[in-house]
ModelCIF file with pLDDT and N, C-alpha, C, O atoms, coordinates in Angstrom:
data_MODEL
#
_entry.id   MODEL 
#
_entity.id                         1 
_entity.type                       polymer 
_entity.pdbx_number_of_molecules   1 
#
_entity_poly.entity_id                      1 
_entity_poly.type                           'polypeptide(L)' 
_entity_poly.nstd_linkage                   no 
_entity_poly.nstd_monomer                   no 
_entity_poly.pdbx_seq_one_letter_code       KDFNGVVPSTTEELTTLAGVGRKTANVVQAVWFGKPT 
_entity_poly.pdbx_seq_one_letter_code_can   KDFNGVVPSTTEELTTLAGVGRKTANVVQAVWFGKPT 
_entity_poly.pdbx_strand_id                 A 
#
loop_
_entity_poly_seq.entity_id 
_entity_poly_seq.num 
_entity_poly_seq.mon_id 
_entity_poly_seq.hetero 
1 1  LYS n 
1 2  ASP n 
1 3  PHE n 
1 4  ASN n 
1 5  GLY n 
1 6  VAL n 
1 7  VAL n 
1 8  PRO n 
1 9  SER n 
1 10 THR n 
1 11 THR n 
1 12 GLU n 
1 13 GLU n 
1 14 LEU n 
1 15 THR n 
1 16 THR n 
1 17 LEU n 
1 18 ALA n 
1 19 GLY n 
1 20 VAL n 
1 21 GLY n 
1 22 ARG n 
1 23 LYS n 
1 24 THR n 
1 25 ALA n 
1 26 ASN n 
1 27 VAL n 
1 28 VAL n 
1 29 GLN n 
1 30 ALA n 
1 31 VAL n 
1 32 TRP n 
1 33 PHE n 
1 34 GLY n 
1 35 LYS n 
1 36 PRO n 
1 37 THR n 
#
_struct_asym.id          A 
_struct_asym.entity_id   1 
#
loop_
_ma_qa_metric.id 
_ma_qa_metric.mode 
_ma_qa_metric.name 
_ma_qa_metric.software_group_id 
_ma_qa_metric.type 
1 global pLDDT . pLDDT 
2 local  pLDDT . pLDDT 
#
_ma_qa_metric_global.metric_id      1 
_ma_qa_metric_global.metric_value   96.22 
_ma_qa_metric_global.model_id       1 
_ma_qa_metric_global.ordinal_id     1 
#
loop_
_ma_qa_metric_local.label_asym_id 
_ma_qa_metric_local.label_comp_id 
_ma_qa_metric_local.label_seq_id 
_ma_qa_metric_local.metric_id 
_ma_qa_metric_local.metric_value 
_ma_qa_metric_local.model_id 
_ma_qa_metric_local.ordinal_id 
A LYS 1  2 98.00 1 1  
A ASP 2  2 97.00 1 2  
A PHE 3  2 98.00 1 3  
A ASN 4  2 97.00 1 4  
A GLY 5  2 97.00 1 5  
A VAL 6  2 97.00 1 6  
A VAL 7  2 98.00 1 7  
A PRO 8  2 97.00 1 8  
A SER 9  2 96.00 1 9  
A THR 10 2 96.00 1 10 
A THR 11 2 96.00 1 11 
A GLU 12 2 97.00 1 12 
A GLU 13 2 98.00 1 13 
A LEU 14 2 98.00 1 14 
A THR 15 2 97.00 1 15 
A THR 16 2 97.00 1 16 
A LEU 17 2 98.00 1 17 
A ALA 18 2 97.00 1 18 
A GLY 19 2 96.00 1 19 
A VAL 20 2 97.00 1 20 
A GLY 21 2 95.00 1 21 
A ARG 22 2 94.00 1 22 
A LYS 23 2 94.00 1 23 
A THR 24 2 96.00 1 24 
A ALA 25 2 97.00 1 25 
A ASN 26 2 96.00 1 26 
A VAL 27 2 96.00 1 27 
A VAL 28 2 97.00 1 28 
A GLN 29 2 96.00 1 29 
A ALA 30 2 95.00 1 30 
A VAL 31 2 95.00 1 31 
A TRP 32 2 96.00 1 32 
A PHE 33 2 95.00 1 33 
A GLY 34 2 92.00 1 34 
A LYS 35 2 94.00 1 35 
A PRO 36 2 95.00 1 36 
A THR 37 2 95.00 1 37 
#
loop_
_atom_site.group_PDB 
_atom_site.id 
_atom_site.type_symbol 
_atom_site.label_atom_id 
_atom_site.label_alt_id 
_atom_site.label_comp_id 
_atom_site.label_asym_id 
_atom_site.label_entity_id 
_atom_site.label_seq_id 
_atom_site.pdbx_PDB_ins_code 
_atom_site.Cartn_x 
_atom_site.Cartn_y 
_atom_site.Cartn_z 
_atom_site.occupancy 
_atom_site.B_iso_or_equiv 
_atom_site.pdbx_formal_charge 
_atom_site.auth_seq_id 
_atom_site.auth_comp_id 
_atom_site.auth_asym_id 
_atom_site.auth_atom_id 
_atom_site.pdbx_PDB_model_num 
ATOM 1   N N  . LYS A 1 1  ? 43.031 72.521 -86.930 1.00 98.00 ? 1  LYS A N  1 
ATOM 2   C CA . LYS A 1 1  ? 42.527 73.087 -88.182 1.00 98.00 ? 1  LYS A CA 1 
ATOM 3   C C  . LYS A 1 1  ? 43.520 74.045 -88.834 1.00 98.00 ? 1  LYS A C  1 
ATOM 4   O O  . LYS A 1 1  ? 43.746 73.977 -90.042 1.00 98.00 ? 1  LYS A O  1 
ATOM 5   N N  . ASP A 1 2  ? 44.113 74.935 -88.042 1.00 97.00 ? 2  ASP A N  1 
ATOM 6   C CA . ASP A 1 2  ? 44.933 76.004 -88.612 1.00 97.00 ? 2  ASP A CA 1 
ATOM 7   C C  . ASP A 1 2  ? 46.443 75.803 -88.467 1.00 97.00 ? 2  ASP A C  1 
ATOM 8   O O  . ASP A 1 2  ? 47.223 76.426 -89.188 1.00 97.00 ? 2  ASP A O  1 
ATOM 9   N N  . PHE A 1 3  ? 46.861 74.928 -87.528 1.00 98.00 ? 3  PHE A N  1 
ATOM 10  C CA . PHE A 1 3  ? 48.294 74.786 -87.273 1.00 98.00 ? 3  PHE A CA 1 
ATOM 11  C C  . PHE A 1 3  ? 48.767 73.331 -87.314 1.00 98.00 ? 3  PHE A C  1 
ATOM 12  O O  . PHE A 1 3  ? 49.848 73.007 -86.821 1.00 98.00 ? 3  PHE A O  1 
ATOM 13  N N  . ASN A 1 4  ? 47.950 72.461 -87.906 1.00 97.00 ? 4  ASN A N  1 
ATOM 14  C CA . ASN A 1 4  ? 48.316 71.041 -88.019 1.00 97.00 ? 4  ASN A CA 1 
ATOM 15  C C  . ASN A 1 4  ? 48.636 70.408 -86.667 1.00 97.00 ? 4  ASN A C  1 
ATOM 16  O O  . ASN A 1 4  ? 49.447 69.487 -86.571 1.00 97.00 ? 4  ASN A O  1 
ATOM 17  N N  . GLY A 1 5  ? 47.979 70.923 -85.622 1.00 97.00 ? 5  GLY A N  1 
ATOM 18  C CA . GLY A 1 5  ? 48.160 70.361 -84.290 1.00 97.00 ? 5  GLY A CA 1 
ATOM 19  C C  . GLY A 1 5  ? 49.412 70.808 -83.576 1.00 97.00 ? 5  GLY A C  1 
ATOM 20  O O  . GLY A 1 5  ? 49.691 70.351 -82.468 1.00 97.00 ? 5  GLY A O  1 
ATOM 21  N N  . VAL A 1 6  ? 50.180 71.707 -84.201 1.00 97.00 ? 6  VAL A N  1 
ATOM 22  C CA . VAL A 1 6  ? 51.446 72.165 -83.618 1.00 97.00 ? 6  VAL A CA 1 
ATOM 23  C C  . VAL A 1 6  ? 51.251 73.528 -82.953 1.00 97.00 ? 6  VAL A C  1 
ATOM 24  O O  . VAL A 1 6  ? 50.677 74.433 -83.559 1.00 97.00 ? 6  VAL A O  1 
ATOM 25  N N  . VAL A 1 7  ? 51.712 73.679 -81.740 1.00 98.00 ? 7  VAL A N  1 
ATOM 26  C CA . VAL A 1 7  ? 51.598 74.952 -81.018 1.00 98.00 ? 7  VAL A CA 1 
ATOM 27  C C  . VAL A 1 7  ? 52.496 75.982 -81.687 1.00 98.00 ? 7  VAL A C  1 
ATOM 28  O O  . VAL A 1 7  ? 53.698 75.753 -81.827 1.00 98.00 ? 7  VAL A O  1 
ATOM 29  N N  . PRO A 1 8  ? 51.931 77.115 -82.104 1.00 97.00 ? 8  PRO A N  1 
ATOM 30  C CA . PRO A 1 8  ? 52.746 78.155 -82.755 1.00 97.00 ? 8  PRO A CA 1 
ATOM 31  C C  . PRO A 1 8  ? 53.639 78.863 -81.747 1.00 97.00 ? 8  PRO A C  1 
ATOM 32  O O  . PRO A 1 8  ? 53.454 78.730 -80.538 1.00 97.00 ? 8  PRO A O  1 
ATOM 33  N N  . SER A 1 9  ? 54.605 79.615 -82.257 1.00 96.00 ? 9  SER A N  1 
ATOM 34  C CA . SER A 1 9  ? 55.612 80.220 -81.380 1.00 96.00 ? 9  SER A CA 1 
ATOM 35  C C  . SER A 1 9  ? 55.539 81.734 -81.285 1.00 96.00 ? 9  SER A C  1 
ATOM 36  O O  . SER A 1 9  ? 56.376 82.341 -80.617 1.00 96.00 ? 9  SER A O  1 
ATOM 37  N N  . THR A 1 10 ? 54.559 82.368 -81.935 1.00 96.00 ? 10 THR A N  1 
ATOM 38  C CA . THR A 1 10 ? 54.484 83.825 -81.893 1.00 96.00 ? 10 THR A CA 1 
ATOM 39  C C  . THR A 1 10 ? 53.271 84.290 -81.098 1.00 96.00 ? 10 THR A C  1 
ATOM 40  O O  . THR A 1 10 ? 52.265 83.589 -80.994 1.00 96.00 ? 10 THR A O  1 
ATOM 41  N N  . THR A 1 11 ? 53.391 85.480 -80.547 1.00 96.00 ? 11 THR A N  1 
ATOM 42  C CA . THR A 1 11 ? 52.275 86.063 -79.790 1.00 96.00 ? 11 THR A CA 1 
ATOM 43  C C  . THR A 1 11 ? 51.049 86.211 -80.676 1.00 96.00 ? 11 THR A C  1 
ATOM 44  O O  . THR A 1 11 ? 49.930 85.919 -80.256 1.00 96.00 ? 11 THR A O  1 
ATOM 45  N N  . GLU A 1 12 ? 51.264 86.662 -81.896 1.00 97.00 ? 12 GLU A N  1 
ATOM 46  C CA . GLU A 1 12 ? 50.153 86.906 -82.813 1.00 97.00 ? 12 GLU A CA 1 
ATOM 47  C C  . GLU A 1 12 ? 49.369 85.631 -83.078 1.00 97.00 ? 12 GLU A C  1 
ATOM 48  O O  . GLU A 1 12 ? 48.139 85.648 -83.100 1.00 97.00 ? 12 GLU A O  1 
ATOM 49  N N  . GLU A 1 13 ? 50.073 84.532 -83.276 1.00 98.00 ? 13 GLU A N  1 
ATOM 50  C CA . GLU A 1 13 ? 49.394 83.263 -83.563 1.00 98.00 ? 13 GLU A CA 1 
ATOM 51  C C  . GLU A 1 13 ? 48.792 82.647 -82.300 1.00 98.00 ? 13 GLU A C  1 
ATOM 52  O O  . GLU A 1 13 ? 47.660 82.163 -82.316 1.00 98.00 ? 13 GLU A O  1 
ATOM 53  N N  . LEU A 1 14 ? 49.545 82.669 -81.226 1.00 98.00 ? 14 LEU A N  1 
ATOM 54  C CA . LEU A 1 14 ? 49.061 82.067 -79.988 1.00 98.00 ? 14 LEU A CA 1 
ATOM 55  C C  . LEU A 1 14 ? 47.781 82.731 -79.493 1.00 98.00 ? 14 LEU A C  1 
ATOM 56  O O  . LEU A 1 14 ? 46.874 82.053 -79.010 1.00 98.00 ? 14 LEU A O  1 
ATOM 57  N N  . THR A 1 15 ? 47.709 84.036 -79.611 1.00 97.00 ? 15 THR A N  1 
ATOM 58  C CA . THR A 1 15 ? 46.541 84.747 -79.088 1.00 97.00 ? 15 THR A CA 1 
ATOM 59  C C  . THR A 1 15 ? 45.313 84.627 -79.985 1.00 97.00 ? 15 THR A C  1 
ATOM 60  O O  . THR A 1 15 ? 44.269 85.199 -79.674 1.00 97.00 ? 15 THR A O  1 
ATOM 61  N N  . THR A 1 16 ? 45.420 83.893 -81.092 1.00 97.00 ? 16 THR A N  1 
ATOM 62  C CA . THR A 1 16 ? 44.225 83.584 -81.882 1.00 97.00 ? 16 THR A CA 1 
ATOM 63  C C  . THR A 1 16 ? 43.512 82.366 -81.315 1.00 97.00 ? 16 THR A C  1 
ATOM 64  O O  . THR A 1 16 ? 42.390 82.056 -81.715 1.00 97.00 ? 16 THR A O  1 
ATOM 65  N N  . LEU A 1 17 ? 44.163 81.673 -80.382 1.00 98.00 ? 17 LEU A N  1 
ATOM 66  C CA . LEU A 1 17 ? 43.592 80.471 -79.788 1.00 98.00 ? 17 LEU A CA 1 
ATOM 67  C C  . LEU A 1 17 ? 42.666 80.840 -78.640 1.00 98.00 ? 17 LEU A C  1 
ATOM 68  O O  . LEU A 1 17 ? 42.938 81.775 -77.887 1.00 98.00 ? 17 LEU A O  1 
ATOM 69  N N  . ALA A 1 18 ? 41.577 80.106 -78.511 1.00 97.00 ? 18 ALA A N  1 
ATOM 70  C CA . ALA A 1 18 ? 40.584 80.370 -77.462 1.00 97.00 ? 18 ALA A CA 1 
ATOM 71  C C  . ALA A 1 18 ? 41.225 80.302 -76.079 1.00 97.00 ? 18 ALA A C  1 
ATOM 72  O O  . ALA A 1 18 ? 41.947 79.357 -75.763 1.00 97.00 ? 18 ALA A O  1 
ATOM 73  N N  . GLY A 1 19 ? 40.955 81.309 -75.267 1.00 96.00 ? 19 GLY A N  1 
ATOM 74  C CA . GLY A 1 19 ? 41.442 81.325 -73.899 1.00 96.00 ? 19 GLY A CA 1 
ATOM 75  C C  . GLY A 1 19 ? 42.888 81.737 -73.727 1.00 96.00 ? 19 GLY A C  1 
ATOM 76  O O  . GLY A 1 19 ? 43.392 81.764 -72.604 1.00 96.00 ? 19 GLY A O  1 
ATOM 77  N N  . VAL A 1 20 ? 43.563 82.057 -74.814 1.00 97.00 ? 20 VAL A N  1 
ATOM 78  C CA . VAL A 1 20 ? 44.989 82.401 -74.741 1.00 97.00 ? 20 VAL A CA 1 
ATOM 79  C C  . VAL A 1 20 ? 45.172 83.903 -74.904 1.00 97.00 ? 20 VAL A C  1 
ATOM 80  O O  . VAL A 1 20 ? 44.985 84.453 -75.989 1.00 97.00 ? 20 VAL A O  1 
ATOM 81  N N  . GLY A 1 21 ? 45.543 84.557 -73.802 1.00 95.00 ? 21 GLY A N  1 
ATOM 82  C CA . GLY A 1 21 ? 45.842 85.977 -73.837 1.00 95.00 ? 21 GLY A CA 1 
ATOM 83  C C  . GLY A 1 21 ? 47.340 86.191 -73.880 1.00 95.00 ? 21 GLY A C  1 
ATOM 84  O O  . GLY A 1 21 ? 48.106 85.241 -74.041 1.00 95.00 ? 21 GLY A O  1 
ATOM 85  N N  . ARG A 1 22 ? 47.748 87.413 -73.739 1.00 94.00 ? 22 ARG A N  1 
ATOM 86  C CA . ARG A 1 22 ? 49.168 87.754 -73.828 1.00 94.00 ? 22 ARG A CA 1 
ATOM 87  C C  . ARG A 1 22 ? 49.989 87.062 -72.747 1.00 94.00 ? 22 ARG A C  1 
ATOM 88  O O  . ARG A 1 22 ? 51.102 86.607 -73.015 1.00 94.00 ? 22 ARG A O  1 
ATOM 89  N N  . LYS A 1 23 ? 49.458 86.977 -71.534 1.00 94.00 ? 23 LYS A N  1 
ATOM 90  C CA . LYS A 1 23 ? 50.199 86.343 -70.440 1.00 94.00 ? 23 LYS A CA 1 
ATOM 91  C C  . LYS A 1 23 ? 50.489 84.881 -70.751 1.00 94.00 ? 23 LYS A C  1 
ATOM 92  O O  . LYS A 1 23 ? 51.626 84.427 -70.631 1.00 94.00 ? 23 LYS A O  1 
ATOM 93  N N  . THR A 1 24 ? 49.463 84.153 -71.149 1.00 96.00 ? 24 THR A N  1 
ATOM 94  C CA . THR A 1 24 ? 49.649 82.738 -71.477 1.00 96.00 ? 24 THR A CA 1 
ATOM 95  C C  . THR A 1 24 ? 50.595 82.572 -72.650 1.00 96.00 ? 24 THR A C  1 
ATOM 96  O O  . THR A 1 24 ? 51.446 81.683 -72.648 1.00 96.00 ? 24 THR A O  1 
ATOM 97  N N  . ALA A 1 25 ? 50.447 83.424 -73.648 1.00 97.00 ? 25 ALA A N  1 
ATOM 98  C CA . ALA A 1 25 ? 51.338 83.361 -74.814 1.00 97.00 ? 25 ALA A CA 1 
ATOM 99  C C  . ALA A 1 25 ? 52.786 83.593 -74.407 1.00 97.00 ? 25 ALA A C  1 
ATOM 100 O O  . ALA A 1 25 ? 53.689 82.922 -74.908 1.00 97.00 ? 25 ALA A O  1 
ATOM 101 N N  . ASN A 1 26 ? 53.009 84.532 -73.510 1.00 96.00 ? 26 ASN A N  1 
ATOM 102 C CA . ASN A 1 26 ? 54.366 84.828 -73.060 1.00 96.00 ? 26 ASN A CA 1 
ATOM 103 C C  . ASN A 1 26 ? 54.969 83.663 -72.282 1.00 96.00 ? 26 ASN A C  1 
ATOM 104 O O  . ASN A 1 26 ? 56.156 83.370 -72.423 1.00 96.00 ? 26 ASN A O  1 
ATOM 105 N N  . VAL A 1 27 ? 54.154 82.998 -71.462 1.00 96.00 ? 27 VAL A N  1 
ATOM 106 C CA . VAL A 1 27 ? 54.641 81.837 -70.710 1.00 96.00 ? 27 VAL A CA 1 
ATOM 107 C C  . VAL A 1 27 ? 55.090 80.747 -71.671 1.00 96.00 ? 27 VAL A C  1 
ATOM 108 O O  . VAL A 1 27 ? 56.182 80.198 -71.520 1.00 96.00 ? 27 VAL A O  1 
ATOM 109 N N  . VAL A 1 28 ? 54.267 80.430 -72.650 1.00 97.00 ? 28 VAL A N  1 
ATOM 110 C CA . VAL A 1 28 ? 54.592 79.369 -73.607 1.00 97.00 ? 28 VAL A CA 1 
ATOM 111 C C  . VAL A 1 28 ? 55.849 79.718 -74.398 1.00 97.00 ? 28 VAL A C  1 
ATOM 112 O O  . VAL A 1 28 ? 56.706 78.863 -74.619 1.00 97.00 ? 28 VAL A O  1 
ATOM 113 N N  . GLN A 1 29 ? 55.955 80.964 -74.820 1.00 96.00 ? 29 GLN A N  1 
ATOM 114 C CA . GLN A 1 29 ? 57.126 81.369 -75.596 1.00 96.00 ? 29 GLN A CA 1 
ATOM 115 C C  . GLN A 1 29 ? 58.401 81.293 -74.768 1.00 96.00 ? 29 GLN A C  1 
ATOM 116 O O  . GLN A 1 29 ? 59.441 80.854 -75.260 1.00 96.00 ? 29 GLN A O  1 
ATOM 117 N N  . ALA A 1 30 ? 58.322 81.719 -73.516 1.00 95.00 ? 30 ALA A N  1 
ATOM 118 C CA . ALA A 1 30 ? 59.513 81.715 -72.660 1.00 95.00 ? 30 ALA A CA 1 
ATOM 119 C C  . ALA A 1 30 ? 59.902 80.305 -72.244 1.00 95.00 ? 30 ALA A C  1 
ATOM 120 O O  . ALA A 1 30 ? 61.064 79.916 -72.355 1.00 95.00 ? 30 ALA A O  1 
ATOM 121 N N  . VAL A 1 31 ? 58.924 79.539 -71.763 1.00 95.00 ? 31 VAL A N  1 
ATOM 122 C CA . VAL A 1 31 ? 59.214 78.224 -71.191 1.00 95.00 ? 31 VAL A CA 1 
ATOM 123 C C  . VAL A 1 31 ? 59.531 77.187 -72.264 1.00 95.00 ? 31 VAL A C  1 
ATOM 124 O O  . VAL A 1 31 ? 60.487 76.424 -72.124 1.00 95.00 ? 31 VAL A O  1 
ATOM 125 N N  . TRP A 1 32 ? 58.745 77.153 -73.322 1.00 96.00 ? 32 TRP A N  1 
ATOM 126 C CA . TRP A 1 32 ? 58.937 76.114 -74.333 1.00 96.00 ? 32 TRP A CA 1 
ATOM 127 C C  . TRP A 1 32 ? 59.897 76.537 -75.448 1.00 96.00 ? 32 TRP A C  1 
ATOM 128 O O  . TRP A 1 32 ? 60.770 75.772 -75.861 1.00 96.00 ? 32 TRP A O  1 
ATOM 129 N N  . PHE A 1 33 ? 59.719 77.757 -75.919 1.00 95.00 ? 33 PHE A N  1 
ATOM 130 C CA . PHE A 1 33 ? 60.505 78.197 -77.064 1.00 95.00 ? 33 PHE A CA 1 
ATOM 131 C C  . PHE A 1 33 ? 61.758 78.989 -76.691 1.00 95.00 ? 33 PHE A C  1 
ATOM 132 O O  . PHE A 1 33 ? 62.555 79.346 -77.558 1.00 95.00 ? 33 PHE A O  1 
ATOM 133 N N  . GLY A 1 34 ? 61.924 79.261 -75.388 1.00 92.00 ? 34 GLY A N  1 
ATOM 134 C CA . GLY A 1 34 ? 63.123 79.943 -74.934 1.00 92.00 ? 34 GLY A CA 1 
ATOM 135 C C  . GLY A 1 34 ? 63.245 81.388 -75.382 1.00 92.00 ? 34 GLY A C  1 
ATOM 136 O O  . GLY A 1 34 ? 64.351 81.913 -75.511 1.00 92.00 ? 34 GLY A O  1 
ATOM 137 N N  . LYS A 1 35 ? 62.121 82.021 -75.616 1.00 94.00 ? 35 LYS A N  1 
ATOM 138 C CA . LYS A 1 35 ? 62.147 83.410 -76.068 1.00 94.00 ? 35 LYS A CA 1 
ATOM 139 C C  . LYS A 1 35 ? 62.192 84.359 -74.868 1.00 94.00 ? 35 LYS A C  1 
ATOM 140 O O  . LYS A 1 35 ? 61.713 84.007 -73.790 1.00 94.00 ? 35 LYS A O  1 
ATOM 141 N N  . PRO A 1 36 ? 62.758 85.550 -75.040 1.00 95.00 ? 36 PRO A N  1 
ATOM 142 C CA . PRO A 1 36 ? 62.820 86.524 -73.952 1.00 95.00 ? 36 PRO A CA 1 
ATOM 143 C C  . PRO A 1 36 ? 61.495 87.264 -73.781 1.00 95.00 ? 36 PRO A C  1 
ATOM 144 O O  . PRO A 1 36 ? 61.403 88.462 -74.046 1.00 95.00 ? 36 PRO A O  1 
ATOM 145 N N  . THR A 1 37 ? 60.474 86.539 -73.336 1.00 95.00 ? 37 THR A N  1 
ATOM 146 C CA . THR A 1 37 ? 59.174 87.143 -73.073 1.00 95.00 ? 37 THR A CA 1 
ATOM 147 C C  . THR A 1 37 ? 58.899 87.079 -71.578 1.00 95.00 ? 37 THR A C  1 
ATOM 148 O O  . THR A 1 37 ? 57.850 87.535 -71.123 1.00 95.00 ? 37 THR A O  1 
#
């Protein structure tokens, strides 16, 4: 609905998703997007 089916890359956007807290957001950013989280 909000991201056209694409996983967002920021903590602010990721944590708007059900069940996604800061820890999960940090894992996705580090592992998939290569961010220093």
